Structure formats: C-alpha cells, structure tokens
N, C-alpha and C. Protein backbone atom coordinates (compact mmCIF):
# COMPACT_ATOMS: atom_id res chain seq x y z
N SER A 1 -10.76 1.75 -1.90
CA SER A 1 -9.87 3.02 -1.63
C SER A 1 -9.44 4.02 -0.93
N LEU A 2 -7.99 4.09 -0.45
CA LEU A 2 -8.01 4.73 0.34
C LEU A 2 -6.72 5.98 -0.07
N TYR A 3 -6.92 7.24 -0.06
CA TYR A 3 -6.42 7.94 -1.03
C TYR A 3 -5.54 9.25 0.47
N GLY A 4 -4.21 9.34 0.38
CA GLY A 4 -3.21 10.52 1.21
C GLY A 4 -3.62 10.23 2.53
N ALA A 5 -4.25 10.57 3.69
CA ALA A 5 -4.22 10.42 5.02
C ALA A 5 -5.27 9.51 5.06
N SER A 6 -5.90 9.34 3.83
CA SER A 6 -7.63 8.65 4.90
C SER A 6 -6.87 7.68 5.97
N TYR A 7 -7.50 6.74 6.57
CA TYR A 7 -7.93 5.49 7.49
C TYR A 7 -9.18 4.83 7.38
N ILE A 8 -8.57 3.77 7.87
CA ILE A 8 -10.77 2.99 8.35
C ILE A 8 -9.88 2.59 10.06
N HIS A 9 -11.54 2.80 10.35
CA HIS A 9 -11.51 2.54 12.01
C HIS A 9 -12.88 1.21 12.71
N PHE A 10 -12.24 0.89 12.63
CA PHE A 10 -12.99 -0.61 13.24
C PHE A 10 -13.23 -1.36 14.73
N PRO A 11 -13.95 -1.84 15.24
CA PRO A 11 -13.48 -1.38 16.80
C PRO A 11 -13.53 -3.42 16.68
N VAL A 12 -12.07 -3.90 17.55
CA VAL A 12 -11.67 -5.20 17.39
C VAL A 12 -12.20 -6.21 18.78
N GLN A 13 -12.73 -6.97 18.42
CA GLN A 13 -13.26 -7.96 19.73
C GLN A 13 -11.67 -8.34 20.77
N GLU A 14 -11.59 -9.13 21.81
CA GLU A 14 -10.63 -9.46 22.43
C GLU A 14 -10.02 -10.23 22.19
N ALA A 15 -8.80 -10.99 21.68
CA ALA A 15 -8.42 -12.14 21.19
C ALA A 15 -8.35 -13.00 22.09
N LYS A 16 -8.81 -14.36 21.29
CA LYS A 16 -8.70 -15.05 23.30
C LYS A 16 -8.06 -16.44 22.83
N GLY A 17 -6.55 -16.42 21.30
CA GLY A 17 -6.68 -17.14 20.91
C GLY A 17 -5.13 -16.68 19.92
N VAL A 18 -5.25 -17.69 18.88
CA VAL A 18 -4.66 -16.92 17.24
C VAL A 18 -5.96 -15.63 16.55
N THR A 19 -4.65 -14.73 16.42
CA THR A 19 -6.07 -14.06 15.30
C THR A 19 -5.19 -13.75 14.40
N ASP A 20 -5.94 -14.02 12.66
CA ASP A 20 -5.17 -14.06 12.00
C ASP A 20 -5.26 -12.91 11.37
N ILE A 21 -4.47 -12.13 10.51
CA ILE A 21 -4.94 -10.98 9.89
C ILE A 21 -4.25 -11.19 8.43
N SER A 22 -5.25 -10.34 7.00
CA SER A 22 -4.02 -10.62 6.01
C SER A 22 -4.51 -9.41 5.69
N PHE A 23 -3.51 -8.68 4.81
CA PHE A 23 -3.68 -7.65 4.03
C PHE A 23 -2.74 -7.17 2.95
N ARG A 24 -3.19 -6.37 1.97
CA ARG A 24 -2.58 -6.01 0.71
C ARG A 24 -2.25 -4.28 0.69
N PHE A 25 -1.68 -3.92 0.70
CA PHE A 25 -1.31 -2.01 0.48
C PHE A 25 -0.43 -2.20 -1.30
N ARG A 26 -0.95 -1.04 -1.47
CA ARG A 26 -0.53 -0.58 -3.04
C ARG A 26 -0.26 1.24 -2.65
N THR A 27 1.48 1.07 -2.48
CA THR A 27 1.76 2.76 -2.40
C THR A 27 2.71 3.35 -3.36
N HIS A 28 2.68 4.45 -3.37
CA HIS A 28 3.61 4.84 -3.73
C HIS A 28 4.86 6.01 -3.00
N LEU A 29 4.37 5.60 -1.69
CA LEU A 29 5.52 6.08 -1.06
C LEU A 29 6.33 5.48 -0.17
N SER A 30 7.36 5.78 -0.10
CA SER A 30 9.09 5.21 1.19
C SER A 30 8.91 4.58 2.49
N ASP A 31 7.80 6.28 3.10
CA ASP A 31 7.80 6.39 4.41
C ASP A 31 6.38 7.04 4.54
N ALA A 32 5.59 5.26 5.06
CA ALA A 32 4.51 5.41 5.65
C ALA A 32 3.78 4.73 6.26
N MET A 33 2.92 4.76 7.55
CA MET A 33 2.09 4.24 8.52
C MET A 33 0.94 3.72 7.31
N LEU A 34 0.95 2.23 7.49
CA LEU A 34 0.57 0.63 7.18
C LEU A 34 -0.74 0.44 8.13
N LEU A 35 0.25 0.23 9.30
CA LEU A 35 -1.32 -0.65 10.59
C LEU A 35 -0.66 0.04 11.45
N LEU A 36 -2.00 0.75 12.29
CA LEU A 36 -1.53 0.42 13.75
C LEU A 36 -2.93 0.00 14.34
N ALA A 37 -2.53 -1.10 15.00
CA ALA A 37 -3.58 -1.86 15.95
C ALA A 37 -3.18 -1.49 17.54
N ALA A 38 -4.14 -0.48 18.62
CA ALA A 38 -3.37 0.04 19.28
C ALA A 38 -4.24 -0.54 20.55
N GLY A 39 -3.70 -0.65 21.93
CA GLY A 39 -4.77 -1.10 23.19
C GLY A 39 -3.85 -0.30 24.17
N LYS A 40 -4.74 -0.69 25.46
CA LYS A 40 -4.15 -0.03 26.63
C LYS A 40 -2.96 -0.41 27.24
N THR A 41 -2.34 -1.85 26.56
CA THR A 41 -1.09 -2.28 27.11
C THR A 41 -0.12 -2.36 26.27
N ASP A 42 -1.03 -2.65 24.90
CA ASP A 42 0.73 -3.29 24.10
C ASP A 42 -0.29 -2.61 22.52
N TYR A 43 0.28 -2.64 21.47
CA TYR A 43 0.05 -2.15 19.96
C TYR A 43 0.70 -2.91 19.12
N CYS A 44 0.60 -2.92 18.06
CA CYS A 44 1.09 -3.52 16.42
C CYS A 44 1.46 -2.63 15.98
N MET A 45 1.64 -2.30 15.08
CA MET A 45 2.45 -1.31 14.26
C MET A 45 2.96 -1.78 12.79
N ILE A 46 2.46 -1.14 11.94
CA ILE A 46 2.93 -1.98 10.45
C ILE A 46 3.30 -0.72 10.22
N LYS A 47 4.42 -0.34 9.43
CA LYS A 47 5.21 1.02 8.10
C LYS A 47 6.12 0.37 8.12
N LEU A 48 6.21 0.82 6.15
CA LEU A 48 7.50 1.72 5.37
C LEU A 48 8.71 2.63 5.54
N GLU A 49 9.82 1.79 5.53
CA GLU A 49 10.52 3.33 5.86
C GLU A 49 11.40 2.93 4.56
N ALA A 50 12.01 3.81 4.49
CA ALA A 50 13.00 4.18 3.03
C ALA A 50 12.85 3.01 2.09
N GLY A 51 11.01 2.47 2.13
CA GLY A 51 10.65 1.17 1.54
C GLY A 51 10.76 -0.02 1.45
N ARG A 52 11.44 -0.20 3.18
CA ARG A 52 11.41 -1.46 3.79
C ARG A 52 10.17 -1.65 4.85
N LEU A 53 8.98 -2.73 4.80
CA LEU A 53 8.23 -3.01 5.69
C LEU A 53 9.24 -3.04 6.78
N LYS A 54 8.49 -2.63 8.41
CA LYS A 54 8.92 -3.32 9.58
C LYS A 54 8.09 -2.91 10.55
C-alpha cells in the first residue's frame, strides 16, 4: 500500500508493439496524479480531477 506522497519507480523497456497495463487505485482524494510514465519525447499521465479520471 502507498500512502500520501508515496510513489513507485521502475524502469520500462522500450515498447516494440503492444503494451498492456492494468492497475487498480483506491483513494479518498478528488484530485490526484495516479500514473505518470514519461520519456524524452512523449508521456502518459492518468489523474483525477474533481473525482473524474482524465
């Protein structure tokens, strides 16, 4: 379990085709950064804004 400002960092190999990711989050917050995967030229961000997934 992660609490507050905790995070997980892990290296990811370059995708050569299709990459599947699945995860589950539980939070009481209405605004939060849930996932940020950033490279040198692109990124993937999943966040909550006002309780809605964006």
